[in-house]
Every structure is written in C-alpha cells, then in structure tokens.
Amino acid sequence: MAHKHDPKDPSMAKQVMAGTLATATVNTGGKLMSKASKHPLLVFGLGMVAGYFVYKYRKDIIASATRTIDAGKDFVLHQKENLEDIVAEAKEAK
C-alpha cells in the first residue's frame, strides 16, 4: 500500500524547524532558569506569565497534543501493516 501525500499535512521542513527551535529554547531556557532561580520573586512572576500563556492558548495546546497522538497512532498502524506485509511475503517465499 503506497503512502498518499496530503498537501494539507505539515511538511518535514516545518517539523525539523520546530524541533530545532525547541532545542534552542530548551538550551536558552536552562541558562535563564539557573540565573532566575536565585531570585524567588522573578520565578513567581515567570510562573504567572507561563500560566497566563498556557491558559490563553490551552485549546491550541490540546489540539496540537491530540494531533500528535493521532499521528503516532497512525504511524504505529502503518508500521504494523508493513510488518504484516513483510511476514506474508516471507511465508510466500518458503
């Protein structure tokens, strides 16, 4: 079964860019948090800001997580089908 490309699906380049940005954010955030942890009021303020943005974009976050879970399920199903095809071909060859 051939995989059909849907133009509405996000491209691999976008996913690679998102991963790169996430890595850079984590590295920068780690350095920032080590400095910010010395100032409790600043940590509280950062928590308030983070909570605000999580609340503001909660629907987008949930939708993104749901898409990721669905993509993972589709990937596993596709790999299972490929494995079944390989096993069937191996049985036919004998």
PDB file of N, CA and C in Angstrom:
ATOM      1  N   MET A   1       0.846  -1.169   0.000  1.00  0.00           N
ATOM      2  CA  MET A   1       0.000   0.000   0.000  1.00  0.00           C
ATOM      3  C   MET A   1       0.898   1.240   0.000  1.00  0.00           C
ATOM      4  N   ALA A   2       0.739   2.073  -1.000  1.00  0.00           N
ATOM      5  CA  ALA A   2       1.556   3.282  -1.107  1.00  0.00           C
ATOM      6  C   ALA A   2       1.004   4.369  -0.195  1.00  0.00           C
ATOM      7  N   HIS A   3       1.909   5.161   0.326  1.00  0.00           N
ATOM      8  CA  HIS A   3       1.510   6.274   1.187  1.00  0.00           C
ATOM      9  C   HIS A   3       1.119   7.446   0.301  1.00  0.00           C
ATOM     10  N   LYS A   4      -0.044   8.009   0.544  1.00  0.00           N
ATOM     11  CA  LYS A   4      -0.510   9.150  -0.242  1.00  0.00           C
ATOM     12  C   LYS A   4      -0.193  10.429   0.508  1.00  0.00           C
ATOM     13  N   HIS A   5       0.403  11.377  -0.194  1.00  0.00           N
ATOM     14  CA  HIS A   5       0.772  12.658   0.415  1.00  0.00           C
ATOM     15  C   HIS A   5      -0.421  13.595   0.366  1.00  0.00           C
ATOM     16  N   ASP A   6      -0.756  14.156   1.509  1.00  0.00           N
ATOM     17  CA  ASP A   6      -1.833  15.133   1.606  1.00  0.00           C
ATOM     18  C   ASP A   6      -1.203  16.518   1.695  1.00  0.00           C
ATOM     19  N   PRO A   7      -1.500  17.415   0.753  1.00  0.00           N
ATOM     20  CA  PRO A   7      -0.878  18.746   0.787  1.00  0.00           C
ATOM     21  C   PRO A   7      -1.201  19.537   2.046  1.00  0.00           C
ATOM     22  N   LYS A   8      -2.249  19.164   2.767  1.00  0.00           N
ATOM     23  CA  LYS A   8      -2.610  19.874   3.989  1.00  0.00           C
ATOM     24  C   LYS A   8      -1.743  19.457   5.171  1.00  0.00           C
ATOM     25  N   ASP A   9      -1.063  18.323   5.054  1.00  0.00           N
ATOM     26  CA  ASP A   9      -0.193  17.860   6.136  1.00  0.00           C
ATOM     27  C   ASP A   9       1.019  18.772   6.249  1.00  0.00           C
ATOM     28  N   PRO A  10       1.519  18.957   7.481  1.00  0.00           N
ATOM     29  CA  PRO A  10       2.713  19.792   7.642  1.00  0.00           C
ATOM     30  C   PRO A  10       3.924  19.121   7.000  1.00  0.00           C
ATOM     31  N   SER A  11       4.775  19.925   6.387  1.00  0.00           N
ATOM     32  CA  SER A  11       5.930  19.365   5.698  1.00  0.00           C
ATOM     33  C   SER A  11       7.014  18.984   6.693  1.00  0.00           C
ATOM     34  N   MET A  12       7.948  18.151   6.233  1.00  0.00           N
ATOM     35  CA  MET A  12       9.043  17.700   7.085  1.00  0.00           C
ATOM     36  C   MET A  12       9.931  18.883   7.461  1.00  0.00           C
ATOM     37  N   ALA A  13      10.104  19.839   6.560  1.00  0.00           N
ATOM     38  CA  ALA A  13      10.946  21.001   6.859  1.00  0.00           C
ATOM     39  C   ALA A  13      10.381  21.792   8.035  1.00  0.00           C
ATOM     40  N   LYS A  14       9.078  21.924   8.090  1.00  0.00           N
ATOM     41  CA  LYS A  14       8.459  22.642   9.211  1.00  0.00           C
ATOM     42  C   LYS A  14       8.688  21.892  10.517  1.00  0.00           C
ATOM     43  N   GLN A  15       8.612  20.568  10.468  1.00  0.00           N
ATOM     44  CA  GLN A  15       8.824  19.767  11.673  1.00  0.00           C
ATOM     45  C   GLN A  15      10.274  19.848  12.136  1.00  0.00           C
ATOM     46  N   VAL A  16      11.207  19.833  11.184  1.00  0.00           N
ATOM     47  CA  VAL A  16      12.624  19.954  11.535  1.00  0.00           C
ATOM     48  C   VAL A  16      12.891  21.322  12.148  1.00  0.00           C
ATOM     49  N   MET A  17      12.314  22.357  11.573  1.00  0.00           N
ATOM     50  CA  MET A  17      12.494  23.708  12.101  1.00  0.00           C
ATOM     51  C   MET A  17      11.909  23.815  13.505  1.00  0.00           C
ATOM     52  N   ALA A  18      10.756  23.226  13.720  1.00  0.00           N
ATOM     53  CA  ALA A  18      10.139  23.261  15.052  1.00  0.00           C
ATOM     54  C   ALA A  18      11.014  22.543  16.069  1.00  0.00           C
ATOM     55  N   GLY A  19      11.592  21.420  15.678  1.00  0.00           N
ATOM     56  CA  GLY A  19      12.491  20.695  16.576  1.00  0.00           C
ATOM     57  C   GLY A  19      13.737  21.481  16.899  1.00  0.00           C
ATOM     58  N   THR A  20      14.286  22.152  15.892  1.00  0.00           N
ATOM     59  CA  THR A  20      15.476  22.975  16.103  1.00  0.00           C
ATOM     60  C   THR A  20      15.173  24.126  17.052  1.00  0.00           C
ATOM     61  N   LEU A  21      14.050  24.778  16.839  1.00  0.00           N
ATOM     62  CA  LEU A  21      13.661  25.881  17.718  1.00  0.00           C
ATOM     63  C   LEU A  21      13.398  25.394  19.139  1.00  0.00           C
ATOM     64  N   ALA A  22      12.796  24.222  19.268  1.00  0.00           N
ATOM     65  CA  ALA A  22      12.541  23.680  20.603  1.00  0.00           C
ATOM     66  C   ALA A  22      13.851  23.397  21.328  1.00  0.00           C
ATOM     67  N   THR A  23      14.824  22.843  20.614  1.00  0.00           N
ATOM     68  CA  THR A  23      16.127  22.560  21.223  1.00  0.00           C
ATOM     69  C   THR A  23      16.811  23.845  21.663  1.00  0.00           C
ATOM     70  N   ALA A  24      16.791  24.850  20.804  1.00  0.00           N
ATOM     71  CA  ALA A  24      17.412  26.131  21.152  1.00  0.00           C
ATOM     72  C   ALA A  24      16.708  26.769  22.346  1.00  0.00           C
ATOM     73  N   THR A  25      15.396  26.649  22.386  1.00  0.00           N
ATOM     74  CA  THR A  25      14.634  27.214  23.501  1.00  0.00           C
ATOM     75  C   THR A  25      14.974  26.523  24.809  1.00  0.00           C
ATOM     76  N   VAL A  26      15.099  25.209  24.773  1.00  0.00           N
ATOM     77  CA  VAL A  26      15.426  24.462  25.991  1.00  0.00           C
ATOM     78  C   VAL A  26      16.816  24.842  26.493  1.00  0.00           C
ATOM     79  N   ASN A  27      17.780  24.942  25.573  1.00  0.00           N
ATOM     80  CA  ASN A  27      19.139  25.314  25.988  1.00  0.00           C
ATOM     81  C   ASN A  27      19.177  26.718  26.579  1.00  0.00           C
ATOM     82  N   THR A  28      18.530  27.655  25.921  1.00  0.00           N
ATOM     83  CA  THR A  28      18.497  29.030  26.416  1.00  0.00           C
ATOM     84  C   THR A  28      17.716  29.110  27.722  1.00  0.00           C
ATOM     85  N   GLY A  29      16.602  28.390  27.786  1.00  0.00           N
ATOM     86  CA  GLY A  29      15.781  28.396  28.992  1.00  0.00           C
ATOM     87  C   GLY A  29      16.506  27.827  30.190  1.00  0.00           C
ATOM     88  N   GLY A  30      17.332  26.820  29.968  1.00  0.00           N
ATOM     89  CA  GLY A  30      18.097  26.234  31.071  1.00  0.00           C
ATOM     90  C   GLY A  30      19.059  27.232  31.679  1.00  0.00           C
ATOM     91  N   LYS A  31      19.730  27.983  30.826  1.00  0.00           N
ATOM     92  CA  LYS A  31      20.660  29.011  31.316  1.00  0.00           C
ATOM     93  C   LYS A  31      19.895  30.124  32.038  1.00  0.00           C
ATOM     94  N   LEU A  32      18.771  30.515  31.461  1.00  0.00           N
ATOM     95  CA  LEU A  32      17.964  31.576  32.060  1.00  0.00           C
ATOM     96  C   LEU A  32      17.412  31.147  33.415  1.00  0.00           C
ATOM     97  N   MET A  33      16.934  29.916  33.501  1.00  0.00           N
ATOM     98  CA  MET A  33      16.348  29.439  34.761  1.00  0.00           C
ATOM     99  C   MET A  33      17.400  29.284  35.851  1.00  0.00           C
ATOM    100  N   SER A  34      18.630  28.936  35.487  1.00  0.00           N
ATOM    101  CA  SER A  34      19.667  28.820  36.519  1.00  0.00           C
ATOM    102  C   SER A  34      19.964  30.186  37.132  1.00  0.00           C
ATOM    103  N   LYS A  35      19.891  31.231  36.321  1.00  0.00           N
ATOM    104  CA  LYS A  35      20.101  32.585  36.845  1.00  0.00           C
ATOM    105  C   LYS A  35      18.858  33.091  37.576  1.00  0.00           C
ATOM    106  N   ALA A  36      17.677  32.775  37.047  1.00  0.00           N
ATOM    107  CA  ALA A  36      16.433  33.268  37.642  1.00  0.00           C
ATOM    108  C   ALA A  36      16.116  32.579  38.965  1.00  0.00           C
ATOM    109  N   SER A  37      16.621  31.364  39.158  1.00  0.00           N
ATOM    110  CA  SER A  37      16.293  30.628  40.385  1.00  0.00           C
ATOM    111  C   SER A  37      16.874  31.290  41.629  1.00  0.00           C
ATOM    112  N   LYS A  38      17.781  32.215  41.446  1.00  0.00           N
ATOM    113  CA  LYS A  38      18.374  32.928  42.579  1.00  0.00           C
ATOM    114  C   LYS A  38      17.487  34.074  43.056  1.00  0.00           C
ATOM    115  N   HIS A  39      16.402  34.363  42.317  1.00  0.00           N
ATOM    116  CA  HIS A  39      15.505  35.467  42.650  1.00  0.00           C
ATOM    117  C   HIS A  39      14.073  34.936  42.724  1.00  0.00           C
ATOM    118  N   PRO A  40      13.577  34.610  43.921  1.00  0.00           N
ATOM    119  CA  PRO A  40      12.255  33.978  44.059  1.00  0.00           C
ATOM    120  C   PRO A  40      11.099  34.799  43.482  1.00  0.00           C
ATOM    121  N   LEU A  41      11.144  36.102  43.604  1.00  0.00           N
ATOM    122  CA  LEU A  41      10.063  36.922  43.068  1.00  0.00           C
ATOM    123  C   LEU A  41      10.025  36.836  41.539  1.00  0.00           C
ATOM    124  N   LEU A  42      11.188  36.771  40.931  1.00  0.00           N
ATOM    125  CA  LEU A  42      11.268  36.623  39.477  1.00  0.00           C
ATOM    126  C   LEU A  42      10.711  35.266  39.046  1.00  0.00           C
ATOM    127  N   VAL A  43      11.007  34.226  39.798  1.00  0.00           N
ATOM    128  CA  VAL A  43      10.474  32.893  39.496  1.00  0.00           C
ATOM    129  C   VAL A  43       8.946  32.911  39.590  1.00  0.00           C
ATOM    130  N   PHE A  44       8.412  33.566  40.611  1.00  0.00           N
ATOM    131  CA  PHE A  44       6.961  33.681  40.759  1.00  0.00           C
ATOM    132  C   PHE A  44       6.356  34.416  39.560  1.00  0.00           C
ATOM    133  N   GLY A  45       6.983  35.511  39.160  1.00  0.00           N
ATOM    134  CA  GLY A  45       6.496  36.275  38.008  1.00  0.00           C
ATOM    135  C   GLY A  45       6.540  35.463  36.726  1.00  0.00           C
ATOM    136  N   LEU A  46       7.620  34.716  36.530  1.00  0.00           N
ATOM    137  CA  LEU A  46       7.716  33.866  35.339  1.00  0.00           C
ATOM    138  C   LEU A  46       6.631  32.787  35.350  1.00  0.00           C
ATOM    139  N   GLY A  47       6.331  32.264  36.528  1.00  0.00           N
ATOM    140  CA  GLY A  47       5.254  31.278  36.647  1.00  0.00           C
ATOM    141  C   GLY A  47       3.903  31.872  36.300  1.00  0.00           C
ATOM    142  N   MET A  48       3.681  33.095  36.731  1.00  0.00           N
ATOM    143  CA  MET A  48       2.420  33.780  36.406  1.00  0.00           C
ATOM    144  C   MET A  48       2.300  33.992  34.893  1.00  0.00           C
ATOM    145  N   VAL A  49       3.386  34.430  34.270  1.00  0.00           N
ATOM    146  CA  VAL A  49       3.373  34.664  32.818  1.00  0.00           C
ATOM    147  C   VAL A  49       3.154  33.350  32.075  1.00  0.00           C
ATOM    148  N   ALA A  50       3.860  32.298  32.497  1.00  0.00           N
ATOM    149  CA  ALA A  50       3.699  30.991  31.847  1.00  0.00           C
ATOM    150  C   ALA A  50       2.268  30.487  32.005  1.00  0.00           C
ATOM    151  N   GLY A  51       1.707  30.635  33.191  1.00  0.00           N
ATOM    152  CA  GLY A  51       0.327  30.216  33.425  1.00  0.00           C
ATOM    153  C   GLY A  51      -0.657  30.978  32.561  1.00  0.00           C
ATOM    154  N   TYR A  52      -0.421  32.268  32.391  1.00  0.00           N
ATOM    155  CA  TYR A  52      -1.290  33.087  31.545  1.00  0.00           C
ATOM    156  C   TYR A  52      -1.282  32.568  30.109  1.00  0.00           C
ATOM    157  N   PHE A  53      -0.077  32.323  29.578  1.00  0.00           N
ATOM    158  CA  PHE A  53       0.010  31.876  28.188  1.00  0.00           C
ATOM    159  C   PHE A  53      -0.538  30.465  28.005  1.00  0.00           C
ATOM    160  N   VAL A  54      -0.335  29.597  28.975  1.00  0.00           N
ATOM    161  CA  VAL A  54      -0.909  28.251  28.884  1.00  0.00           C
ATOM    162  C   VAL A  54      -2.427  28.339  28.899  1.00  0.00           C
ATOM    163  N   TYR A  55      -2.983  29.192  29.748  1.00  0.00           N
ATOM    164  CA  TYR A  55      -4.434  29.359  29.796  1.00  0.00           C
ATOM    165  C   TYR A  55      -4.952  29.979  28.497  1.00  0.00           C
ATOM    166  N   LYS A  56      -4.243  30.979  27.997  1.00  0.00           N
ATOM    167  CA  LYS A  56      -4.677  31.681  26.790  1.00  0.00           C
ATOM    168  C   LYS A  56      -4.685  30.749  25.576  1.00  0.00           C
ATOM    169  N   TYR A  57      -3.667  29.904  25.457  1.00  0.00           N
ATOM    170  CA  TYR A  57      -3.527  29.038  24.287  1.00  0.00           C
ATOM    171  C   TYR A  57      -3.865  27.583  24.600  1.00  0.00           C
ATOM    172  N   ARG A  58      -4.673  27.331  25.605  1.00  0.00           N
ATOM    173  CA  ARG A  58      -4.958  25.962  26.039  1.00  0.00           C
ATOM    174  C   ARG A  58      -5.623  25.139  24.942  1.00  0.00           C
ATOM    175  N   LYS A  59      -6.518  25.737  24.169  1.00  0.00           N
ATOM    176  CA  LYS A  59      -7.196  24.990  23.105  1.00  0.00           C
ATOM    177  C   LYS A  59      -6.212  24.592  22.013  1.00  0.00           C
ATOM    178  N   ASP A  60      -5.299  25.495  21.665  1.00  0.00           N
ATOM    179  CA  ASP A  60      -4.282  25.170  20.665  1.00  0.00           C
ATOM    180  C   ASP A  60      -3.342  24.082  21.169  1.00  0.00           C
ATOM    181  N   ILE A  61      -2.996  24.152  22.440  1.00  0.00           N
ATOM    182  CA  ILE A  61      -2.099  23.154  23.029  1.00  0.00           C
ATOM    183  C   ILE A  61      -2.763  21.781  23.014  1.00  0.00           C
ATOM    184  N   ILE A  62      -4.030  21.734  23.399  1.00  0.00           N
ATOM    185  CA  ILE A  62      -4.752  20.461  23.414  1.00  0.00           C
ATOM    186  C   ILE A  62      -4.914  19.922  21.999  1.00  0.00           C
ATOM    187  N   ALA A  63      -5.229  20.795  21.045  1.00  0.00           N
ATOM    188  CA  ALA A  63      -5.382  20.358  19.655  1.00  0.00           C
ATOM    189  C   ALA A  63      -4.067  19.816  19.106  1.00  0.00           C
ATOM    190  N   SER A  64      -2.979  20.487  19.424  1.00  0.00           N
ATOM    191  CA  SER A  64      -1.668  20.030  18.963  1.00  0.00           C
ATOM    192  C   SER A  64      -1.308  18.684  19.576  1.00  0.00           C
ATOM    193  N   ALA A  65      -1.580  18.524  20.858  1.00  0.00           N
ATOM    194  CA  ALA A  65      -1.298  17.246  21.516  1.00  0.00           C
ATOM    195  C   ALA A  65      -2.153  16.133  20.922  1.00  0.00           C
ATOM    196  N   THR A  66      -3.398  16.433  20.625  1.00  0.00           N
ATOM    197  CA  THR A  66      -4.284  15.436  20.026  1.00  0.00           C
ATOM    198  C   THR A  66      -3.796  15.037  18.640  1.00  0.00           C
ATOM    199  N   ARG A  67      -3.371  16.027  17.833  1.00  0.00           N
ATOM    200  CA  ARG A  67      -2.830  15.719  16.504  1.00  0.00           C
ATOM    201  C   ARG A  67      -1.586  14.850  16.612  1.00  0.00           C
ATOM    202  N   THR A  68      -0.737  15.153  17.586  1.00  0.00           N
ATOM    203  CA  THR A  68       0.486  14.378  17.768  1.00  0.00           C
ATOM    204  C   THR A  68       0.162  12.940  18.156  1.00  0.00           C
ATOM    205  N   ILE A  69      -0.790  12.767  19.046  1.00  0.00           N
ATOM    206  CA  ILE A  69      -1.192  11.417  19.461  1.00  0.00           C
ATOM    207  C   ILE A  69      -1.779  10.654  18.278  1.00  0.00           C
ATOM    208  N   ASP A  70      -2.637  11.313  17.493  1.00  0.00           N
ATOM    209  CA  ASP A  70      -3.230  10.662  16.329  1.00  0.00           C
ATOM    210  C   ASP A  70      -2.167  10.288  15.302  1.00  0.00           C
ATOM    211  N   ALA A  71      -1.193  11.172  15.099  1.00  0.00           N
ATOM    212  CA  ALA A  71      -0.116  10.871  14.158  1.00  0.00           C
ATOM    213  C   ALA A  71       0.698   9.677  14.647  1.00  0.00           C
ATOM    214  N   GLY A  72       0.928   9.595  15.942  1.00  0.00           N
ATOM    215  CA  GLY A  72       1.652   8.453  16.498  1.00  0.00           C
ATOM    216  C   GLY A  72       0.892   7.156  16.300  1.00  0.00           C
ATOM    217  N   LYS A  73      -0.419   7.196  16.513  1.00  0.00           N
ATOM    218  CA  LYS A  73      -1.243   6.003  16.306  1.00  0.00           C
ATOM    219  C   LYS A  73      -1.224   5.586  14.838  1.00  0.00           C
ATOM    220  N   ASP A  74      -1.335   6.564  13.929  1.00  0.00           N
ATOM    221  CA  ASP A  74      -1.287   6.262  12.501  1.00  0.00           C
ATOM    222  C   ASP A  74       0.057   5.656  12.116  1.00  0.00           C
ATOM    223  N   PHE A  75       1.138   6.187  12.681  1.00  0.00           N
ATOM    224  CA  PHE A  75       2.471   5.673  12.387  1.00  0.00           C
ATOM    225  C   PHE A  75       2.596   4.222  12.835  1.00  0.00           C
ATOM    226  N   VAL A  76       2.135   3.928  14.043  1.00  0.00           N
ATOM    227  CA  VAL A  76       2.216   2.559  14.561  1.00  0.00           C
ATOM    228  C   VAL A  76       1.378   1.622  13.700  1.00  0.00           C
ATOM    229  N   LEU A  77       0.186   2.045  13.310  1.00  0.00           N
ATOM    230  CA  LEU A  77      -0.669   1.223  12.466  1.00  0.00           C
ATOM    231  C   LEU A  77      -0.013   0.964  11.112  1.00  0.00           C
ATOM    232  N   HIS A  78       0.588   1.992  10.546  1.00  0.00           N
ATOM    233  CA  HIS A  78       1.264   1.849   9.256  1.00  0.00           C
ATOM    234  C   HIS A  78       2.441   0.885   9.370  1.00  0.00           C
ATOM    235  N   GLN A  79       3.208   0.987  10.440  1.00  0.00           N
ATOM    236  CA  GLN A  79       4.342   0.083  10.635  1.00  0.00           C
ATOM    237  C   GLN A  79       3.859  -1.352  10.845  1.00  0.00           C
ATOM    238  N   LYS A  80       2.738  -1.510  11.536  1.00  0.00           N
ATOM    239  CA  LYS A  80       2.175  -2.844  11.747  1.00  0.00           C
ATOM    240  C   LYS A  80       1.767  -3.456  10.410  1.00  0.00           C
ATOM    241  N   GLU A  81       1.140  -2.653   9.547  1.00  0.00           N
ATOM    242  CA  GLU A  81       0.755  -3.140   8.222  1.00  0.00           C
ATOM    243  C   GLU A  81       1.985  -3.526   7.413  1.00  0.00           C
ATOM    244  N   ASN A  82       3.032  -2.710   7.478  1.00  0.00           N
ATOM    245  CA  ASN A  82       4.263  -3.035   6.756  1.00  0.00           C
ATOM    246  C   ASN A  82       4.857  -4.341   7.256  1.00  0.00           C
ATOM    247  N   LEU A  83       4.866  -4.534   8.563  1.00  0.00           N
ATOM    248  CA  LEU A  83       5.406  -5.757   9.144  1.00  0.00           C
ATOM    249  C   LEU A  83       4.581  -6.965   8.715  1.00  0.00           C
ATOM    250  N   GLU A  84       3.263  -6.822   8.698  1.00  0.00           N
ATOM    251  CA  GLU A  84       2.405  -7.919   8.248  1.00  0.00           C
ATOM    252  C   GLU A  84       2.681  -8.255   6.787  1.00  0.00           C
ATOM    253  N   ASP A  85       2.901  -7.242   5.944  1.00  0.00           N
ATOM    254  CA  ASP A  85       3.228  -7.477   4.538  1.00  0.00           C
ATOM    255  C   ASP A  85       4.552  -8.218   4.401  1.00  0.00           C
ATOM    256  N   ILE A  86       5.542  -7.823   5.186  1.00  0.00           N
ATOM    257  CA  ILE A  86       6.855  -8.471   5.123  1.00  0.00           C
ATOM    258  C   ILE A  86       6.751  -9.926   5.565  1.00  0.00           C
ATOM    259  N   VAL A  87       6.001 -10.181   6.629  1.00  0.00           N
ATOM    260  CA  VAL A  87       5.824 -11.554   7.115  1.00  0.00           C
ATOM    261  C   VAL A  87       5.089 -12.388   6.073  1.00  0.00           C
ATOM    262  N   ALA A  88       4.061 -11.824   5.440  1.00  0.00           N
ATOM    263  CA  ALA A  88       3.316 -12.549   4.409  1.00  0.00           C
ATOM    264  C   ALA A  88       4.212 -12.873   3.218  1.00  0.00           C
ATOM    265  N   GLU A  89       5.053 -11.936   2.810  1.00  0.00           N
ATOM    266  CA  GLU A  89       5.975 -12.183   1.701  1.00  0.00           C
ATOM    267  C   GLU A  89       6.992 -13.255   2.061  1.00  0.00           C
ATOM    268  N   ALA A  90       7.449 -13.247   3.300  1.00  0.00           N
ATOM    269  CA  ALA A  90       8.418 -14.254   3.736  1.00  0.00           C
ATOM    270  C   ALA A  90       7.785 -15.641   3.743  1.00  0.00           C
ATOM    271  N   LYS A  91       6.518 -15.736   4.136  1.00  0.00           N
ATOM    272  CA  LYS A  91       5.830 -17.030   4.137  1.00  0.00           C
ATOM    273  C   LYS A  91       5.599 -17.527   2.716  1.00  0.00           C
ATOM    274  N   GLU A  92       5.309 -16.604   1.786  1.00  0.00           N
ATOM    275  CA  GLU A  92       5.103 -16.985   0.389  1.00  0.00           C
ATOM    276  C   GLU A  92       6.396 -17.470  -0.248  1.00  0.00           C
ATOM    277  N   ALA A  93       7.504 -16.899   0.156  1.00  0.00           N
ATOM    278  CA  ALA A  93       8.797 -17.252  -0.428  1.00  0.00           C
ATOM    279  C   ALA A  93       9.221 -18.669  -0.044  1.00  0.00           C
ATOM    280  N   LYS A  94       8.725 -19.174   1.071  1.00  0.00           N
ATOM    281  CA  LYS A  94       9.120 -20.525   1.514  1.00  0.00           C
ATOM    282  C   LYS A  94       8.391 -21.576   0.795  1.00  0.00           C
TER     283      LYS A  94
END
